[in-house]
Amino acid sequence: MRNRVSVYAIGSLLLGVLLLNGCATTPVQPWERGRLARWDMRWDSDPLQAAMDSHTHFSKEGSDGHIGAAGGGCGCN
């Protein structure tokens, strides 16, 4: 019984070390920011299309969606 507990404890410790190994504590360095700022790395690759989609969602939902001021559902801002 005691061997089984120690095996579980060692296994849990090793699993914890492996999981914590993937945590990055250093921030992104200035010379690495250029790669992350490329247009193909953005969430919305087309800002005009993203703005149009946001406006359509705003108009149909009748809510602000945390963008701009609240308005009605008719689309007449």
PDB file of N, CA and C in Angstrom:
ATOM      1  N   MET A   1       0.832  -1.197   0.000  1.00  0.00           N
ATOM      2  CA  MET A   1       0.000   0.000   0.000  1.00  0.00           C
ATOM      3  C   MET A   1       0.869   1.251   0.000  1.00  0.00           C
ATOM      4  N   ARG A   2       1.956   1.196   0.764  1.00  0.00           N
ATOM      5  CA  ARG A   2       2.815   2.359   0.858  1.00  0.00           C
ATOM      6  C   ARG A   2       3.530   2.617  -0.476  1.00  0.00           C
ATOM      7  N   ASN A   3       3.927   1.573  -1.182  1.00  0.00           N
ATOM      8  CA  ASN A   3       4.561   1.728  -2.483  1.00  0.00           C
ATOM      9  C   ASN A   3       3.617   2.362  -3.492  1.00  0.00           C
ATOM     10  N   ARG A   4       2.362   1.961  -3.438  1.00  0.00           N
ATOM     11  CA  ARG A   4       1.373   2.500  -4.372  1.00  0.00           C
ATOM     12  C   ARG A   4       1.182   3.999  -4.148  1.00  0.00           C
ATOM     13  N   VAL A   5       1.138   4.435  -2.902  1.00  0.00           N
ATOM     14  CA  VAL A   5       0.976   5.851  -2.589  1.00  0.00           C
ATOM     15  C   VAL A   5       2.187   6.639  -3.074  1.00  0.00           C
ATOM     16  N   SER A   6       3.378   6.106  -2.876  1.00  0.00           N
ATOM     17  CA  SER A   6       4.571   6.822  -3.310  1.00  0.00           C
ATOM     18  C   SER A   6       4.647   6.878  -4.835  1.00  0.00           C
ATOM     19  N   VAL A   7       4.183   5.837  -5.506  1.00  0.00           N
ATOM     20  CA  VAL A   7       4.170   5.853  -6.972  1.00  0.00           C
ATOM     21  C   VAL A   7       3.199   6.929  -7.461  1.00  0.00           C
ATOM     22  N   TYR A   8       2.022   7.031  -6.842  1.00  0.00           N
ATOM     23  CA  TYR A   8       1.068   8.071  -7.215  1.00  0.00           C
ATOM     24  C   TYR A   8       1.621   9.462  -6.917  1.00  0.00           C
ATOM     25  N   ALA A   9       2.313   9.610  -5.798  1.00  0.00           N
ATOM     26  CA  ALA A   9       2.886  10.909  -5.443  1.00  0.00           C
ATOM     27  C   ALA A   9       3.961  11.315  -6.434  1.00  0.00           C
ATOM     28  N   ILE A  10       4.828  10.383  -6.797  1.00  0.00           N
ATOM     29  CA  ILE A  10       5.890  10.688  -7.761  1.00  0.00           C
ATOM     30  C   ILE A  10       5.292  10.967  -9.137  1.00  0.00           C
ATOM     31  N   GLY A  11       4.296  10.182  -9.516  1.00  0.00           N
ATOM     32  CA  GLY A  11       3.628  10.405 -10.805  1.00  0.00           C
ATOM     33  C   GLY A  11       2.943  11.762 -10.851  1.00  0.00           C
ATOM     34  N   SER A  12       2.277  12.142  -9.775  1.00  0.00           N
ATOM     35  CA  SER A  12       1.618  13.446  -9.710  1.00  0.00           C
ATOM     36  C   SER A  12       2.638  14.581  -9.763  1.00  0.00           C
ATOM     37  N   LEU A  13       3.753  14.399  -9.085  1.00  0.00           N
ATOM     38  CA  LEU A  13       4.807  15.403  -9.092  1.00  0.00           C
ATOM     39  C   LEU A  13       5.383  15.575 -10.496  1.00  0.00           C
ATOM     40  N   LEU A  14       5.655  14.470 -11.167  1.00  0.00           N
ATOM     41  CA  LEU A  14       6.183  14.545 -12.527  1.00  0.00           C
ATOM     42  C   LEU A  14       5.177  15.170 -13.491  1.00  0.00           C
ATOM     43  N   LEU A  15       3.919  14.821 -13.353  1.00  0.00           N
ATOM     44  CA  LEU A  15       2.880  15.412 -14.196  1.00  0.00           C
ATOM     45  C   LEU A  15       2.784  16.918 -13.956  1.00  0.00           C
ATOM     46  N   GLY A  16       2.858  17.323 -12.692  1.00  0.00           N
ATOM     47  CA  GLY A  16       2.823  18.752 -12.378  1.00  0.00           C
ATOM     48  C   GLY A  16       4.005  19.502 -12.960  1.00  0.00           C
ATOM     49  N   VAL A  17       5.180  18.903 -12.893  1.00  0.00           N
ATOM     50  CA  VAL A  17       6.381  19.534 -13.461  1.00  0.00           C
ATOM     51  C   VAL A  17       6.247  19.663 -14.975  1.00  0.00           C
ATOM     52  N   LEU A  18       5.734  18.625 -15.621  1.00  0.00           N
ATOM     53  CA  LEU A  18       5.558  18.682 -17.073  1.00  0.00           C
ATOM     54  C   LEU A  18       4.529  19.728 -17.479  1.00  0.00           C
ATOM     55  N   LEU A  19       3.449  19.848 -16.717  1.00  0.00           N
ATOM     56  CA  LEU A  19       2.426  20.847 -17.040  1.00  0.00           C
ATOM     57  C   LEU A  19       2.917  22.265 -16.797  1.00  0.00           C
ATOM     58  N   LEU A  20       3.675  22.461 -15.729  1.00  0.00           N
ATOM     59  CA  LEU A  20       4.189  23.801 -15.432  1.00  0.00           C
ATOM     60  C   LEU A  20       5.332  24.199 -16.361  1.00  0.00           C
ATOM     61  N   ASN A  21       5.928  23.253 -17.013  1.00  0.00           N
ATOM     62  CA  ASN A  21       7.026  23.533 -17.928  1.00  0.00           C
ATOM     63  C   ASN A  21       6.553  24.352 -19.127  1.00  0.00           C
ATOM     64  N   GLY A  22       5.295  24.231 -19.513  1.00  0.00           N
ATOM     65  CA  GLY A  22       4.771  24.958 -20.660  1.00  0.00           C
ATOM     66  C   GLY A  22       4.398  26.396 -20.349  1.00  0.00           C
ATOM     67  N   CYS A  23       4.421  26.801 -19.096  1.00  0.00           N
ATOM     68  CA  CYS A  23       4.047  28.167 -18.733  1.00  0.00           C
ATOM     69  C   CYS A  23       5.214  29.107 -19.036  1.00  0.00           C
ATOM     70  N   ALA A  24       4.919  30.144 -19.786  1.00  0.00           N
ATOM     71  CA  ALA A  24       5.945  31.131 -20.113  1.00  0.00           C
ATOM     72  C   ALA A  24       5.804  32.313 -19.154  1.00  0.00           C
ATOM     73  N   THR A  25       6.883  32.701 -18.535  1.00  0.00           N
ATOM     74  CA  THR A  25       6.839  33.822 -17.608  1.00  0.00           C
ATOM     75  C   THR A  25       7.488  35.066 -18.197  1.00  0.00           C
ATOM     76  N   THR A  26       8.198  34.934 -19.304  1.00  0.00           N
ATOM     77  CA  THR A  26       8.848  36.096 -19.897  1.00  0.00           C
ATOM     78  C   THR A  26       7.914  36.744 -20.898  1.00  0.00           C
ATOM     79  N   PRO A  27       7.868  38.070 -20.925  1.00  0.00           N
ATOM     80  CA  PRO A  27       7.003  38.750 -21.895  1.00  0.00           C
ATOM     81  C   PRO A  27       7.588  38.645 -23.301  1.00  0.00           C
ATOM     82  N   VAL A  28       6.788  39.048 -24.262  1.00  0.00           N
ATOM     83  CA  VAL A  28       7.251  39.057 -25.648  1.00  0.00           C
ATOM     84  C   VAL A  28       8.316  40.135 -25.786  1.00  0.00           C
ATOM     85  N   GLN A  29       9.439  39.761 -26.340  1.00  0.00           N
ATOM     86  CA  GLN A  29      10.552  40.696 -26.499  1.00  0.00           C
ATOM     87  C   GLN A  29      10.274  41.661 -27.656  1.00  0.00           C
ATOM     88  N   PRO A  30      10.859  42.872 -27.615  1.00  0.00           N
ATOM     89  CA  PRO A  30      10.592  43.849 -28.671  1.00  0.00           C
ATOM     90  C   PRO A  30      10.932  43.341 -30.073  1.00  0.00           C
ATOM     91  N   TRP A  31      11.965  42.537 -30.212  1.00  0.00           N
ATOM     92  CA  TRP A  31      12.327  42.063 -31.548  1.00  0.00           C
ATOM     93  C   TRP A  31      11.411  40.942 -32.027  1.00  0.00           C
ATOM     94  N   GLU A  32      10.582  40.396 -31.131  1.00  0.00           N
ATOM     95  CA  GLU A  32       9.623  39.368 -31.522  1.00  0.00           C
ATOM     96  C   GLU A  32       8.270  39.952 -31.896  1.00  0.00           C
ATOM     97  N   ARG A  33       8.035  41.205 -31.591  1.00  0.00           N
ATOM     98  CA  ARG A  33       6.725  41.811 -31.825  1.00  0.00           C
ATOM     99  C   ARG A  33       6.445  42.051 -33.294  1.00  0.00           C
ATOM    100  N   GLY A  34       7.481  42.183 -34.096  1.00  0.00           N
ATOM    101  CA  GLY A  34       7.281  42.404 -35.524  1.00  0.00           C
ATOM    102  C   GLY A  34       6.576  41.236 -36.188  1.00  0.00           C
ATOM    103  N   ARG A  35       6.916  40.030 -35.790  1.00  0.00           N
ATOM    104  CA  ARG A  35       6.263  38.841 -36.352  1.00  0.00           C
ATOM    105  C   ARG A  35       4.804  38.760 -35.932  1.00  0.00           C
ATOM    106  N   LEU A  36       4.509  39.171 -34.712  1.00  0.00           N
ATOM    107  CA  LEU A  36       3.135  39.080 -34.218  1.00  0.00           C
ATOM    108  C   LEU A  36       2.253  40.199 -34.758  1.00  0.00           C
ATOM    109  N   ALA A  37       2.841  41.258 -35.288  1.00  0.00           N
ATOM    110  CA  ALA A  37       2.075  42.395 -35.783  1.00  0.00           C
ATOM    111  C   ALA A  37       1.792  42.310 -37.285  1.00  0.00           C
ATOM    112  N   ARG A  38       2.200  41.233 -37.931  1.00  0.00           N
ATOM    113  CA  ARG A  38       1.943  41.086 -39.363  1.00  0.00           C
ATOM    114  C   ARG A  38       0.446  41.008 -39.617  1.00  0.00           C
ATOM    115  N   TRP A  39       0.018  41.390 -40.822  1.00  0.00           N
ATOM    116  CA  TRP A  39      -1.414  41.418 -41.144  1.00  0.00           C
ATOM    117  C   TRP A  39      -2.010  40.019 -41.116  1.00  0.00           C
ATOM    118  N   ASP A  40      -1.245  39.000 -41.448  1.00  0.00           N
ATOM    119  CA  ASP A  40      -1.802  37.649 -41.456  1.00  0.00           C
ATOM    120  C   ASP A  40      -1.884  37.037 -40.060  1.00  0.00           C
ATOM    121  N   MET A  41      -1.353  37.707 -39.048  1.00  0.00           N
ATOM    122  CA  MET A  41      -1.439  37.225 -37.675  1.00  0.00           C
ATOM    123  C   MET A  41      -2.607  37.868 -36.918  1.00  0.00           C
ATOM    124  N   ARG A  42      -3.296  38.813 -37.541  1.00  0.00           N
ATOM    125  CA  ARG A  42      -4.399  39.492 -36.866  1.00  0.00           C
ATOM    126  C   ARG A  42      -5.618  38.590 -36.803  1.00  0.00           C
ATOM    127  N   TRP A  43      -6.481  38.855 -35.833  1.00  0.00           N
ATOM    128  CA  TRP A  43      -7.698  38.075 -35.681  1.00  0.00           C
ATOM    129  C   TRP A  43      -8.618  38.317 -36.863  1.00  0.00           C
ATOM    130  N   ASP A  44      -8.810  39.580 -37.238  1.00  0.00           N
ATOM    131  CA  ASP A  44      -9.603  39.939 -38.409  1.00  0.00           C
ATOM    132  C   ASP A  44      -8.651  40.455 -39.466  1.00  0.00           C
ATOM    133  N   SER A  45      -8.458  39.682 -40.518  1.00  0.00           N
ATOM    134  CA  SER A  45      -7.479  40.078 -41.523  1.00  0.00           C
ATOM    135  C   SER A  45      -7.965  41.242 -42.375  1.00  0.00           C
ATOM    136  N   ASP A  46      -9.269  41.484 -42.425  1.00  0.00           N
ATOM    137  CA  ASP A  46      -9.813  42.592 -43.202  1.00  0.00           C
ATOM    138  C   ASP A  46     -10.572  43.525 -42.255  1.00  0.00           C
ATOM    139  N   PRO A  47      -9.984  44.679 -41.902  1.00  0.00           N
ATOM    140  CA  PRO A  47     -10.641  45.558 -40.928  1.00  0.00           C
ATOM    141  C   PRO A  47     -11.968  46.123 -41.426  1.00  0.00           C
ATOM    142  N   LEU A  48     -12.085  46.391 -42.734  1.00  0.00           N
ATOM    143  CA  LEU A  48     -13.336  46.918 -43.271  1.00  0.00           C
ATOM    144  C   LEU A  48     -14.449  45.877 -43.152  1.00  0.00           C
ATOM    145  N   GLN A  49     -14.148  44.641 -43.489  1.00  0.00           N
ATOM    146  CA  GLN A  49     -15.148  43.576 -43.369  1.00  0.00           C
ATOM    147  C   GLN A  49     -15.527  43.366 -41.910  1.00  0.00           C
ATOM    148  N   ALA A  50     -14.574  43.449 -40.996  1.00  0.00           N
ATOM    149  CA  ALA A  50     -14.866  43.291 -39.569  1.00  0.00           C
ATOM    150  C   ALA A  50     -15.777  44.417 -39.080  1.00  0.00           C
ATOM    151  N   ALA A  51     -15.536  45.646 -39.551  1.00  0.00           N
ATOM    152  CA  ALA A  51     -16.386  46.769 -39.160  1.00  0.00           C
ATOM    153  C   ALA A  51     -17.800  46.608 -39.715  1.00  0.00           C
ATOM    154  N   MET A  52     -17.895  46.118 -40.945  1.00  0.00           N
ATOM    155  CA  MET A  52     -19.218  45.902 -41.541  1.00  0.00           C
ATOM    156  C   MET A  52     -19.974  44.799 -40.812  1.00  0.00           C
ATOM    157  N   ASP A  53     -19.284  43.724 -40.472  1.00  0.00           N
ATOM    158  CA  ASP A  53     -19.923  42.645 -39.722  1.00  0.00           C
ATOM    159  C   ASP A  53     -20.372  43.117 -38.349  1.00  0.00           C
ATOM    160  N   SER A  54     -19.547  43.943 -37.712  1.00  0.00           N
ATOM    161  CA  SER A  54     -19.896  44.468 -36.398  1.00  0.00           C
ATOM    162  C   SER A  54     -21.122  45.382 -36.485  1.00  0.00           C
ATOM    163  N   HIS A  55     -21.186  46.200 -37.524  1.00  0.00           N
ATOM    164  CA  HIS A  55     -22.328  47.094 -37.692  1.00  0.00           C
ATOM    165  C   HIS A  55     -23.602  46.292 -37.979  1.00  0.00           C
ATOM    166  N   THR A  56     -23.492  45.253 -38.798  1.00  0.00           N
ATOM    167  CA  THR A  56     -24.655  44.415 -39.089  1.00  0.00           C
ATOM    168  C   THR A  56     -25.146  43.729 -37.821  1.00  0.00           C
ATOM    169  N   HIS A  57     -24.230  43.204 -37.039  1.00  0.00           N
ATOM    170  CA  HIS A  57     -24.614  42.559 -35.780  1.00  0.00           C
ATOM    171  C   HIS A  57     -25.242  43.569 -34.842  1.00  0.00           C
ATOM    172  N   PHE A  58     -24.675  44.774 -34.777  1.00  0.00           N
ATOM    173  CA  PHE A  58     -25.211  45.834 -33.926  1.00  0.00           C
ATOM    174  C   PHE A  58     -26.625  46.199 -34.350  1.00  0.00           C
ATOM    175  N   SER A  59     -26.842  46.318 -35.669  1.00  0.00           N
ATOM    176  CA  SER A  59     -28.153  46.737 -36.169  1.00  0.00           C
ATOM    177  C   SER A  59     -29.202  45.657 -35.961  1.00  0.00           C
ATOM    178  N   LYS A  60     -28.846  44.415 -36.163  1.00  0.00           N
ATOM    179  CA  LYS A  60     -29.823  43.335 -36.040  1.00  0.00           C
ATOM    180  C   LYS A  60     -30.136  43.011 -34.586  1.00  0.00           C
ATOM    181  N   GLU A  61     -29.157  43.108 -33.713  1.00  0.00           N
ATOM    182  CA  GLU A  61     -29.361  42.751 -32.316  1.00  0.00           C
ATOM    183  C   GLU A  61     -30.005  43.882 -31.524  1.00  0.00           C
ATOM    184  N   GLY A  62     -29.823  45.122 -31.964  1.00  0.00           N
ATOM    185  CA  GLY A  62     -30.375  46.242 -31.220  1.00  0.00           C
ATOM    186  C   GLY A  62     -29.611  46.526 -29.948  1.00  0.00           C
ATOM    187  N   SER A  63     -28.359  46.124 -29.921  1.00  0.00           N
ATOM    188  CA  SER A  63     -27.529  46.380 -28.757  1.00  0.00           C
ATOM    189  C   SER A  63     -26.197  46.930 -29.221  1.00  0.00           C
ATOM    190  N   ASP A  64     -25.439  47.452 -28.273  1.00  0.00           N
ATOM    191  CA  ASP A  64     -24.189  48.091 -28.674  1.00  0.00           C
ATOM    192  C   ASP A  64     -23.059  47.098 -28.868  1.00  0.00           C
ATOM    193  N   GLY A  65     -23.084  45.960 -28.220  1.00  0.00           N
ATOM    194  CA  GLY A  65     -22.004  44.993 -28.364  1.00  0.00           C
ATOM    195  C   GLY A  65     -20.675  45.536 -27.892  1.00  0.00           C
ATOM    196  N   HIS A  66     -20.725  46.483 -26.965  1.00  0.00           N
ATOM    197  CA  HIS A  66     -19.542  47.139 -26.411  1.00  0.00           C
ATOM    198  C   HIS A  66     -18.790  47.944 -27.458  1.00  0.00           C
ATOM    199  N   ILE A  67     -19.471  48.360 -28.496  1.00  0.00           N
ATOM    200  CA  ILE A  67     -18.854  49.190 -29.527  1.00  0.00           C
ATOM    201  C   ILE A  67     -19.773  50.398 -29.728  1.00  0.00           C
ATOM    202  N   GLY A  68     -19.303  51.567 -29.368  1.00  0.00           N
ATOM    203  CA  GLY A  68     -20.095  52.774 -29.595  1.00  0.00           C
ATOM    204  C   GLY A  68     -21.241  52.913 -28.620  1.00  0.00           C
ATOM    205  N   ALA A  69     -22.263  53.659 -29.019  1.00  0.00           N
ATOM    206  CA  ALA A  69     -23.421  53.931 -28.173  1.00  0.00           C
ATOM    207  C   ALA A  69     -24.572  52.973 -28.505  1.00  0.00           C
ATOM    208  N   ALA A  70     -25.455  52.787 -27.547  1.00  0.00           N
ATOM    209  CA  ALA A  70     -26.591  51.903 -27.758  1.00  0.00           C
ATOM    210  C   ALA A  70     -27.598  52.570 -28.679  1.00  0.00           C
ATOM    211  N   GLY A  71     -28.296  51.778 -29.454  1.00  0.00           N
ATOM    212  CA  GLY A  71     -29.300  52.302 -30.376  1.00  0.00           C
ATOM    213  C   GLY A  71     -30.417  51.303 -30.549  1.00  0.00           C
ATOM    214  N   GLY A  72     -31.318  51.606 -31.466  1.00  0.00           N
ATOM    215  CA  GLY A  72     -32.446  50.722 -31.726  1.00  0.00           C
ATOM    216  C   GLY A  72     -32.081  49.626 -32.697  1.00  0.00           C
ATOM    217  N   GLY A  73     -32.996  48.718 -32.924  1.00  0.00           N
ATOM    218  CA  GLY A  73     -32.772  47.607 -33.827  1.00  0.00           C
ATOM    219  C   GLY A  73     -33.074  47.927 -35.269  1.00  0.00           C
ATOM    220  N   CYS A  74     -33.460  49.175 -35.559  1.00  0.00           N
ATOM    221  CA  CYS A  74     -33.844  49.517 -36.929  1.00  0.00           C
ATOM    222  C   CYS A  74     -32.629  49.813 -37.801  1.00  0.00           C
ATOM    223  N   GLY A  75     -31.476  50.025 -37.241  1.00  0.00           N
ATOM    224  CA  GLY A  75     -30.277  50.326 -38.012  1.00  0.00           C
ATOM    225  C   GLY A  75     -30.090  51.811 -38.281  1.00  0.00           C
ATOM    226  N   CYS A  76     -30.926  52.648 -37.730  1.00  0.00           N
ATOM    227  CA  CYS A  76     -30.792  54.091 -37.940  1.00  0.00           C
ATOM    228  C   CYS A  76     -30.070  54.702 -36.747  1.00  0.00           C
ATOM    229  N   ASN A  77     -28.773  54.792 -36.859  1.00  0.00           N
ATOM    230  CA  ASN A  77     -27.983  55.293 -35.740  1.00  0.00           C
ATOM    231  C   ASN A  77     -28.100  56.791 -35.702  1.00  0.00           C
TER     232      ASN A  77
END
